[in-house]
PDB file of all heavy atoms in Angstrom:
ATOM      1  N   GLN A   1       6.286   3.398  10.042  1.00  0.00           N
ATOM      2  CA  GLN A   1       5.633   2.157  10.453  1.00  0.00           C
ATOM      3  C   GLN A   1       4.182   2.097  10.002  1.00  0.00           C
ATOM      4  O   GLN A   1       3.706   1.040   9.588  1.00  0.00           O
ATOM      5  CB  GLN A   1       5.706   1.982  11.975  1.00  0.00           C
ATOM      6  CG  GLN A   1       7.100   1.642  12.483  1.00  0.00           C
ATOM      7  CD  GLN A   1       7.099   1.365  13.971  1.00  0.00           C
ATOM      8  OE1 GLN A   1       6.195   1.772  14.726  1.00  0.00           O
ATOM      9  NE2 GLN A   1       8.106   0.624  14.452  1.00  0.00           N
ATOM     10  N   GLU A   2       3.506   3.244  10.038  1.00  0.00           N
ATOM     11  CA  GLU A   2       2.121   3.287   9.581  1.00  0.00           C
ATOM     12  C   GLU A   2       2.051   3.089   8.044  1.00  0.00           C
ATOM     13  O   GLU A   2       1.128   2.438   7.554  1.00  0.00           O
ATOM     14  CB  GLU A   2       1.462   4.621   9.985  1.00  0.00           C
ATOM     15  CG  GLU A   2       1.274   4.785  11.481  1.00  0.00           C
ATOM     16  CD  GLU A   2       0.306   3.757  12.031  1.00  0.00           C
ATOM     17  OE1 GLU A   2      -0.899   3.939  11.949  1.00  0.00           O
ATOM     18  OE2 GLU A   2       0.800   2.699  12.533  1.00  0.00           O
ATOM     19  N   GLN A   3       3.007   3.683   7.331  1.00  0.00           N
ATOM     20  CA  GLN A   3       3.047   3.467   5.894  1.00  0.00           C
ATOM     21  C   GLN A   3       3.269   1.991   5.578  1.00  0.00           C
ATOM     22  O   GLN A   3       2.626   1.457   4.628  1.00  0.00           O
ATOM     23  CB  GLN A   3       4.172   4.296   5.248  1.00  0.00           C
ATOM     24  CG  GLN A   3       4.019   5.809   5.379  1.00  0.00           C
ATOM     25  CD  GLN A   3       2.923   6.380   4.485  1.00  0.00           C
ATOM     26  OE1 GLN A   3       2.344   5.695   3.655  1.00  0.00           O
ATOM     27  NE2 GLN A   3       2.623   7.662   4.676  1.00  0.00           N
ATOM     28  N   GLU A   4       4.106   1.313   6.326  1.00  0.00           N
ATOM     29  CA  GLU A   4       4.332  -0.101   6.135  1.00  0.00           C
ATOM     30  C   GLU A   4       3.086  -0.913   6.480  1.00  0.00           C
ATOM     31  O   GLU A   4       2.761  -1.881   5.807  1.00  0.00           O
ATOM     32  CB  GLU A   4       5.524  -0.554   6.974  1.00  0.00           C
ATOM     33  CG  GLU A   4       6.862   0.013   6.489  1.00  0.00           C
ATOM     34  CD  GLU A   4       8.010  -0.276   7.428  1.00  0.00           C
ATOM     35  OE1 GLU A   4       7.755  -0.830   8.536  1.00  0.00           O
ATOM     36  OE2 GLU A   4       9.157   0.045   7.077  1.00  0.00           O
ATOM     37  N   ARG A   5       2.393  -0.504   7.548  1.00  0.00           N
ATOM     38  CA  ARG A   5       1.166  -1.219   7.905  1.00  0.00           C
ATOM     39  C   ARG A   5       0.098  -1.030   6.810  1.00  0.00           C
ATOM     40  O   ARG A   5      -0.627  -2.006   6.496  1.00  0.00           O
ATOM     41  CB  ARG A   5       0.641  -0.688   9.262  1.00  0.00           C
ATOM     42  CG  ARG A   5      -0.615  -1.391   9.758  1.00  0.00           C
ATOM     43  CD  ARG A   5      -0.819  -1.137  11.243  1.00  0.00           C
ATOM     44  NE  ARG A   5      -1.187   0.225  11.531  1.00  0.00           N
ATOM     45  CZ  ARG A   5      -2.465   0.646  11.694  1.00  0.00           C
ATOM     46  NH1 ARG A   5      -3.462  -0.227  11.537  1.00  0.00           N
ATOM     47  NH2 ARG A   5      -2.713   1.907  11.988  1.00  0.00           N
ATOM     48  N   LEU A   6       0.012   0.160   6.270  1.00  0.00           N
ATOM     49  CA  LEU A   6      -0.918   0.392   5.167  1.00  0.00           C
ATOM     50  C   LEU A   6      -0.586  -0.503   3.986  1.00  0.00           C
ATOM     51  O   LEU A   6      -1.484  -1.071   3.342  1.00  0.00           O
ATOM     52  CB  LEU A   6      -0.884   1.871   4.759  1.00  0.00           C
ATOM     53  CG  LEU A   6      -1.694   2.246   3.519  1.00  0.00           C
ATOM     54  CD1 LEU A   6      -3.169   1.893   3.647  1.00  0.00           C
ATOM     55  CD2 LEU A   6      -1.560   3.748   3.257  1.00  0.00           C
ATOM     56  N   LYS A   7       0.687  -0.638   3.656  1.00  0.00           N
ATOM     57  CA  LYS A   7       1.094  -1.478   2.537  1.00  0.00           C
ATOM     58  C   LYS A   7       0.701  -2.939   2.805  1.00  0.00           C
ATOM     59  O   LYS A   7       0.230  -3.635   1.912  1.00  0.00           O
ATOM     60  CB  LYS A   7       2.594  -1.355   2.313  1.00  0.00           C
ATOM     61  CG  LYS A   7       3.061  -1.946   0.994  1.00  0.00           C
ATOM     62  CD  LYS A   7       3.457  -3.398   1.110  1.00  0.00           C
ATOM     63  CE  LYS A   7       3.922  -3.973  -0.219  1.00  0.00           C
ATOM     64  NZ  LYS A   7       4.390  -5.358  -0.093  1.00  0.00           N
ATOM     65  N   ASN A   8       0.855  -3.399   4.046  1.00  0.00           N
ATOM     66  CA  ASN A   8       0.461  -4.760   4.396  1.00  0.00           C
ATOM     67  C   ASN A   8      -1.035  -4.956   4.227  1.00  0.00           C
ATOM     68  O   ASN A   8      -1.513  -6.018   3.790  1.00  0.00           O
ATOM     69  CB  ASN A   8       0.889  -5.107   5.829  1.00  0.00           C
ATOM     70  CG  ASN A   8       2.389  -5.212   5.981  1.00  0.00           C
ATOM     71  OD1 ASN A   8       3.090  -5.520   5.007  1.00  0.00           O
ATOM     72  ND2 ASN A   8       2.889  -4.964   7.166  1.00  0.00           N
ATOM     73  N   VAL A   9      -1.812  -3.933   4.604  1.00  0.00           N
ATOM     74  CA  VAL A   9      -3.270  -3.988   4.372  1.00  0.00           C
ATOM     75  C   VAL A   9      -3.574  -4.078   2.887  1.00  0.00           C
ATOM     76  O   VAL A   9      -4.439  -4.863   2.453  1.00  0.00           O
ATOM     77  CB  VAL A   9      -3.940  -2.730   4.996  1.00  0.00           C
ATOM     78  CG1 VAL A   9      -5.439  -2.668   4.571  1.00  0.00           C
ATOM     79  CG2 VAL A   9      -3.851  -2.798   6.524  1.00  0.00           C
ATOM     80  N   CYS A  10      -2.869  -3.307   2.072  1.00  0.00           N
ATOM     81  CA  CYS A  10      -3.063  -3.355   0.630  1.00  0.00           C
ATOM     82  C   CYS A  10      -2.744  -4.750   0.076  1.00  0.00           C
ATOM     83  O   CYS A  10      -3.442  -5.242  -0.838  1.00  0.00           O
ATOM     84  CB  CYS A  10      -2.186  -2.317  -0.081  1.00  0.00           C
ATOM     85  SG  CYS A  10      -2.735  -0.602   0.167  1.00  0.00           S
ATOM     86  N   ASP A  11      -1.710  -5.386   0.604  1.00  0.00           N
ATOM     87  CA  ASP A  11      -1.367  -6.729   0.179  1.00  0.00           C
ATOM     88  C   ASP A  11      -2.515  -7.706   0.471  1.00  0.00           C
ATOM     89  O   ASP A  11      -2.908  -8.519  -0.402  1.00  0.00           O
ATOM     90  CB  ASP A  11      -0.113  -7.228   0.885  1.00  0.00           C
ATOM     91  CG  ASP A  11       1.164  -6.589   0.338  1.00  0.00           C
ATOM     92  OD1 ASP A  11       1.117  -5.956  -0.725  1.00  0.00           O
ATOM     93  OD2 ASP A  11       2.204  -6.720   1.020  1.00  0.00           O
ATOM     94  N   ARG A  12      -3.073  -7.616   1.667  1.00  0.00           N
ATOM     95  CA  ARG A  12      -4.171  -8.524   2.040  1.00  0.00           C
ATOM     96  C   ARG A  12      -5.396  -8.260   1.185  1.00  0.00           C
ATOM     97  O   ARG A  12      -6.104  -9.207   0.770  1.00  0.00           O
ATOM     98  CB  ARG A  12      -4.500  -8.358   3.535  1.00  0.00           C
ATOM     99  CG  ARG A  12      -3.370  -8.826   4.443  1.00  0.00           C
ATOM    100  CD  ARG A  12      -3.863  -9.093   5.859  1.00  0.00           C
ATOM    101  NE  ARG A  12      -4.458  -7.910   6.481  1.00  0.00           N
ATOM    102  CZ  ARG A  12      -3.741  -7.029   7.187  1.00  0.00           C
ATOM    103  NH1 ARG A  12      -2.425  -7.197   7.342  1.00  0.00           N
ATOM    104  NH2 ARG A  12      -4.331  -5.989   7.752  1.00  0.00           N
ATOM    105  N   LEU A  13      -5.722  -6.990   0.937  1.00  0.00           N
ATOM    106  CA  LEU A  13      -6.881  -6.664   0.130  1.00  0.00           C
ATOM    107  C   LEU A  13      -6.696  -7.130  -1.318  1.00  0.00           C
ATOM    108  O   LEU A  13      -7.640  -7.587  -1.943  1.00  0.00           O
ATOM    109  CB  LEU A  13      -7.146  -5.150   0.166  1.00  0.00           C
ATOM    110  CG  LEU A  13      -7.542  -4.547   1.533  1.00  0.00           C
ATOM    111  CD1 LEU A  13      -7.797  -3.055   1.387  1.00  0.00           C
ATOM    112  CD2 LEU A  13      -8.771  -5.236   2.086  1.00  0.00           C
ATOM    113  N   THR A  14      -5.486  -7.021  -1.828  1.00  0.00           N
ATOM    114  CA  THR A  14      -5.202  -7.471  -3.184  1.00  0.00           C
ATOM    115  C   THR A  14      -5.435  -8.991  -3.301  1.00  0.00           C
ATOM    116  O   THR A  14      -6.045  -9.461  -4.256  1.00  0.00           O
ATOM    117  CB  THR A  14      -3.747  -7.133  -3.567  1.00  0.00           C
ATOM    118  OG1 THR A  14      -3.588  -5.717  -3.531  1.00  0.00           O
ATOM    119  CG2 THR A  14      -3.406  -7.633  -4.963  1.00  0.00           C
ATOM    120  N   GLU A  15      -4.946  -9.729  -2.297  1.00  0.00           N
ATOM    121  CA  GLU A  15      -5.150 -11.181  -2.296  1.00  0.00           C
ATOM    122  C   GLU A  15      -6.646 -11.536  -2.215  1.00  0.00           C
ATOM    123  O   GLU A  15      -7.080 -12.576  -2.714  1.00  0.00           O
ATOM    124  CB  GLU A  15      -4.406 -11.797  -1.114  1.00  0.00           C
ATOM    125  CG  GLU A  15      -2.880 -11.722  -1.268  1.00  0.00           C
ATOM    126  CD  GLU A  15      -2.153 -12.117   0.013  1.00  0.00           C
ATOM    127  OE1 GLU A  15      -2.843 -12.510   0.985  1.00  0.00           O
ATOM    128  OE2 GLU A  15      -0.941 -11.991   0.043  1.00  0.00           O
ATOM    129  N   LYS A  16      -7.413 -10.645  -1.616  1.00  0.00           N
ATOM    130  CA  LYS A  16      -8.854 -10.882  -1.441  1.00  0.00           C
ATOM    131  C   LYS A  16      -9.648 -10.501  -2.673  1.00  0.00           C
ATOM    132  O   LYS A  16     -10.855 -10.792  -2.748  1.00  0.00           O
ATOM    133  CB  LYS A  16      -9.340 -10.078  -0.224  1.00  0.00           C
ATOM    134  CG  LYS A  16     -10.665 -10.533   0.355  1.00  0.00           C
ATOM    135  CD  LYS A  16     -10.941  -9.854   1.671  1.00  0.00           C
ATOM    136  CE  LYS A  16     -12.225 -10.390   2.304  1.00  0.00           C
ATOM    137  NZ  LYS A  16     -12.472  -9.822   3.657  1.00  0.00           N
ATOM    138  N   GLY A  17      -9.023  -9.823  -3.629  1.00  0.00           N
ATOM    139  CA  GLY A  17      -9.735  -9.405  -4.840  1.00  0.00           C
ATOM    140  C   GLY A  17     -10.420  -8.052  -4.721  1.00  0.00           C
ATOM    141  O   GLY A  17     -11.393  -7.768  -5.414  1.00  0.00           O
ATOM    142  N   VAL A  18      -9.877  -7.205  -3.858  1.00  0.00           N
ATOM    143  CA  VAL A  18     -10.398  -5.857  -3.686  1.00  0.00           C
ATOM    144  C   VAL A  18      -9.572  -4.898  -4.559  1.00  0.00           C
ATOM    145  O   VAL A  18      -8.343  -4.958  -4.594  1.00  0.00           O
ATOM    146  CB  VAL A  18     -10.317  -5.404  -2.217  1.00  0.00           C
ATOM    147  CG1 VAL A  18     -10.701  -3.938  -2.046  1.00  0.00           C
ATOM    148  CG2 VAL A  18     -11.230  -6.285  -1.348  1.00  0.00           C
ATOM    149  N   HIS A  19     -10.246  -4.000  -5.273  1.00  0.00           N
ATOM    150  CA  HIS A  19      -9.585  -3.020  -6.132  1.00  0.00           C
ATOM    151  C   HIS A  19      -9.103  -1.827  -5.308  1.00  0.00           C
ATOM    152  O   HIS A  19      -9.886  -1.268  -4.552  1.00  0.00           O
ATOM    153  CB  HIS A  19     -10.518  -2.548  -7.236  1.00  0.00           C
ATOM    154  CG  HIS A  19     -11.056  -3.649  -8.104  1.00  0.00           C
ATOM    155  ND1 HIS A  19     -10.374  -4.167  -9.148  1.00  0.00           N
ATOM    156  CD2 HIS A  19     -12.233  -4.349  -8.010  1.00  0.00           C
ATOM    157  CE1 HIS A  19     -11.080  -5.131  -9.715  1.00  0.00           C
ATOM    158  NE2 HIS A  19     -12.217  -5.264  -9.021  1.00  0.00           N
ATOM    159  N   ILE A  20      -7.861  -1.427  -5.527  1.00  0.00           N
ATOM    160  CA  ILE A  20      -7.245  -0.371  -4.737  1.00  0.00           C
ATOM    161  C   ILE A  20      -6.662   0.718  -5.634  1.00  0.00           C
ATOM    162  O   ILE A  20      -6.023   0.407  -6.658  1.00  0.00           O
ATOM    163  CB  ILE A  20      -6.123  -0.922  -3.839  1.00  0.00           C
ATOM    164  CG1 ILE A  20      -6.667  -1.863  -2.772  1.00  0.00           C
ATOM    165  CG2 ILE A  20      -5.337   0.223  -3.174  1.00  0.00           C
ATOM    166  CD1 ILE A  20      -5.570  -2.607  -2.024  1.00  0.00           C
ATOM    167  N   LEU A  21      -6.859   1.961  -5.233  1.00  0.00           N
ATOM    168  CA  LEU A  21      -6.118   3.093  -5.776  1.00  0.00           C
ATOM    169  C   LEU A  21      -5.597   3.868  -4.575  1.00  0.00           C
ATOM    170  O   LEU A  21      -6.346   4.115  -3.620  1.00  0.00           O
ATOM    171  CB  LEU A  21      -6.982   4.007  -6.644  1.00  0.00           C
ATOM    172  CG  LEU A  21      -6.243   5.169  -7.307  1.00  0.00           C
ATOM    173  CD1 LEU A  21      -5.211   4.660  -8.320  1.00  0.00           C
ATOM    174  CD2 LEU A  21      -7.227   6.115  -8.010  1.00  0.00           C
ATOM    175  N   LEU A  22      -4.316   4.222  -4.594  1.00  0.00           N
ATOM    176  CA  LEU A  22      -3.685   4.866  -3.456  1.00  0.00           C
ATOM    177  C   LEU A  22      -2.881   6.078  -3.929  1.00  0.00           C
ATOM    178  O   LEU A  22      -2.219   6.043  -4.953  1.00  0.00           O
ATOM    179  CB  LEU A  22      -2.761   3.881  -2.727  1.00  0.00           C
ATOM    180  CG  LEU A  22      -2.007   4.344  -1.490  1.00  0.00           C
ATOM    181  CD1 LEU A  22      -1.919   3.226  -0.466  1.00  0.00           C
ATOM    182  CD2 LEU A  22      -0.588   4.821  -1.823  1.00  0.00           C
ATOM    183  N   SER A  23      -2.966   7.164  -3.161  1.00  0.00           N
ATOM    184  CA  SER A  23      -2.179   8.377  -3.420  1.00  0.00           C
ATOM    185  C   SER A  23      -1.053   8.482  -2.356  1.00  0.00           C
ATOM    186  O   SER A  23      -1.301   8.145  -1.185  1.00  0.00           O
ATOM    187  CB  SER A  23      -3.023   9.622  -3.340  1.00  0.00           C
ATOM    188  OG  SER A  23      -4.021   9.646  -4.314  1.00  0.00           O
ATOM    189  N   ASN A  24       0.093   8.968  -2.802  1.00  0.00           N
ATOM    190  CA  ASN A  24       1.168   9.216  -1.817  1.00  0.00           C
ATOM    191  C   ASN A  24       2.225  10.105  -2.483  1.00  0.00           C
ATOM    192  O   ASN A  24       2.128  10.405  -3.646  1.00  0.00           O
ATOM    193  CB  ASN A  24       1.769   7.919  -1.291  1.00  0.00           C
ATOM    194  CG  ASN A  24       2.124   7.998   0.195  1.00  0.00           C
ATOM    195  OD1 ASN A  24       2.755   8.957   0.634  1.00  0.00           O
ATOM    196  ND2 ASN A  24       1.672   7.002   0.961  1.00  0.00           N
ATOM    197  N   SER A  25       3.208  10.484  -1.688  1.00  0.00           N
ATOM    198  CA  SER A  25       4.311  11.278  -2.224  1.00  0.00           C
ATOM    199  C   SER A  25       5.242  10.397  -3.028  1.00  0.00           C
ATOM    200  O   SER A  25       5.316   9.173  -2.793  1.00  0.00           O
ATOM    201  CB  SER A  25       5.061  11.945  -1.080  1.00  0.00           C
ATOM    202  OG  SER A  25       5.552  10.984  -0.172  1.00  0.00           O
ATOM    203  N   GLU A  26       5.928  11.002  -3.977  1.00  0.00           N
ATOM    204  CA  GLU A  26       6.894  10.260  -4.757  1.00  0.00           C
ATOM    205  C   GLU A  26       8.217  10.318  -4.052  1.00  0.00           C
ATOM    206  O   GLU A  26       8.966  11.303  -4.141  1.00  0.00           O
ATOM    207  CB  GLU A  26       7.022  10.819  -6.172  1.00  0.00           C
ATOM    208  CG  GLU A  26       7.941   9.987  -7.035  1.00  0.00           C
ATOM    209  CD  GLU A  26       7.740  10.186  -8.521  1.00  0.00           C
ATOM    210  OE1 GLU A  26       7.117  11.185  -8.912  1.00  0.00           O
ATOM    211  OE2 GLU A  26       8.151   9.314  -9.297  1.00  0.00           O
ATOM    212  N   CYS A  27       8.504   9.246  -3.319  1.00  0.00           N
ATOM    213  CA  CYS A  27       9.752   9.202  -2.554  1.00  0.00           C
ATOM    214  C   CYS A  27      10.248   7.761  -2.489  1.00  0.00           C
ATOM    215  O   CYS A  27       9.528   6.817  -2.853  1.00  0.00           O
ATOM    216  CB  CYS A  27       9.554   9.751  -1.158  1.00  0.00           C
ATOM    217  SG  CYS A  27       8.393   8.798  -0.152  1.00  0.00           S
ATOM    218  N   GLU A  28      11.465   7.585  -2.048  1.00  0.00           N
ATOM    219  CA  GLU A  28      12.110   6.269  -2.050  1.00  0.00           C
ATOM    220  C   GLU A  28      11.311   5.257  -1.220  1.00  0.00           C
ATOM    221  O   GLU A  28      11.131   4.105  -1.638  1.00  0.00           O
ATOM    222  CB  GLU A  28      13.528   6.393  -1.510  1.00  0.00           C
ATOM    223  CG  GLU A  28      14.306   5.106  -1.562  1.00  0.00           C
ATOM    224  CD  GLU A  28      15.746   5.284  -1.082  1.00  0.00           C
ATOM    225  OE1 GLU A  28      16.118   6.409  -0.770  1.00  0.00           O
ATOM    226  OE2 GLU A  28      16.465   4.260  -1.010  1.00  0.00           O
ATOM    227  N   LEU A  29      10.830   5.669  -0.062  1.00  0.00           N
ATOM    228  CA  LEU A  29      10.105   4.749   0.807  1.00  0.00           C
ATOM    229  C   LEU A  29       8.890   4.154   0.107  1.00  0.00           C
ATOM    230  O   LEU A  29       8.690   2.939   0.116  1.00  0.00           O
ATOM    231  CB  LEU A  29       9.639   5.469   2.084  1.00  0.00           C
ATOM    232  CG  LEU A  29       8.671   4.709   2.989  1.00  0.00           C
ATOM    233  CD1 LEU A  29       9.316   3.443   3.551  1.00  0.00           C
ATOM    234  CD2 LEU A  29       8.157   5.609   4.115  1.00  0.00           C
ATOM    235  N   ILE A  30       8.087   5.031  -0.518  1.00  0.00           N
ATOM    236  CA  ILE A  30       6.845   4.544  -1.160  1.00  0.00           C
ATOM    237  C   ILE A  30       7.167   3.695  -2.379  1.00  0.00           C
ATOM    238  O   ILE A  30       6.534   2.629  -2.593  1.00  0.00           O
ATOM    239  CB  ILE A  30       5.969   5.755  -1.524  1.00  0.00           C
ATOM    240  CG1 ILE A  30       5.567   6.506  -0.257  1.00  0.00           C
ATOM    241  CG2 ILE A  30       4.719   5.291  -2.285  1.00  0.00           C
ATOM    242  CD1 ILE A  30       4.850   5.674   0.794  1.00  0.00           C
ATOM    243  N   ARG A  31       8.135   4.090  -3.175  1.00  0.00           N
ATOM    244  CA  ARG A  31       8.514   3.301  -4.335  1.00  0.00           C
ATOM    245  C   ARG A  31       9.047   1.923  -3.931  1.00  0.00           C
ATOM    246  O   ARG A  31       8.789   0.922  -4.619  1.00  0.00           O
ATOM    247  CB  ARG A  31       9.523   4.044  -5.224  1.00  0.00           C
ATOM    248  CG  ARG A  31       8.862   5.156  -6.031  1.00  0.00           C
ATOM    249  CD  ARG A  31       9.735   5.627  -7.167  1.00  0.00           C
ATOM    250  NE  ARG A  31       8.976   6.477  -8.091  1.00  0.00           N
ATOM    251  CZ  ARG A  31       8.259   6.049  -9.108  1.00  0.00           C
ATOM    252  NH1 ARG A  31       8.177   4.735  -9.331  1.00  0.00           N
ATOM    253  NH2 ARG A  31       7.603   6.886  -9.892  1.00  0.00           N
ATOM    254  N   GLU A  32       9.764   1.831  -2.838  1.00  0.00           N
ATOM    255  CA  GLU A  32      10.268   0.546  -2.362  1.00  0.00           C
ATOM    256  C   GLU A  32       9.125  -0.322  -1.836  1.00  0.00           C
ATOM    257  O   GLU A  32       9.086  -1.531  -2.104  1.00  0.00           O
ATOM    258  CB  GLU A  32      11.317   0.767  -1.273  1.00  0.00           C
ATOM    259  CG  GLU A  32      12.657   1.244  -1.806  1.00  0.00           C
ATOM    260  CD  GLU A  32      13.700   1.383  -0.703  1.00  0.00           C
ATOM    261  OE1 GLU A  32      13.340   1.137   0.470  1.00  0.00           O
ATOM    262  OE2 GLU A  32      14.837   1.727  -1.035  1.00  0.00           O
TER     263      GLU A  32
END
């Protein structure tokens, strides 16, 4: 749930014109 909340934050920041770089594990959840 926290990973999903982080992704939602990334979506909002992207719409706002904020540059993002994110690290995470290579797994199905993150790729989806």
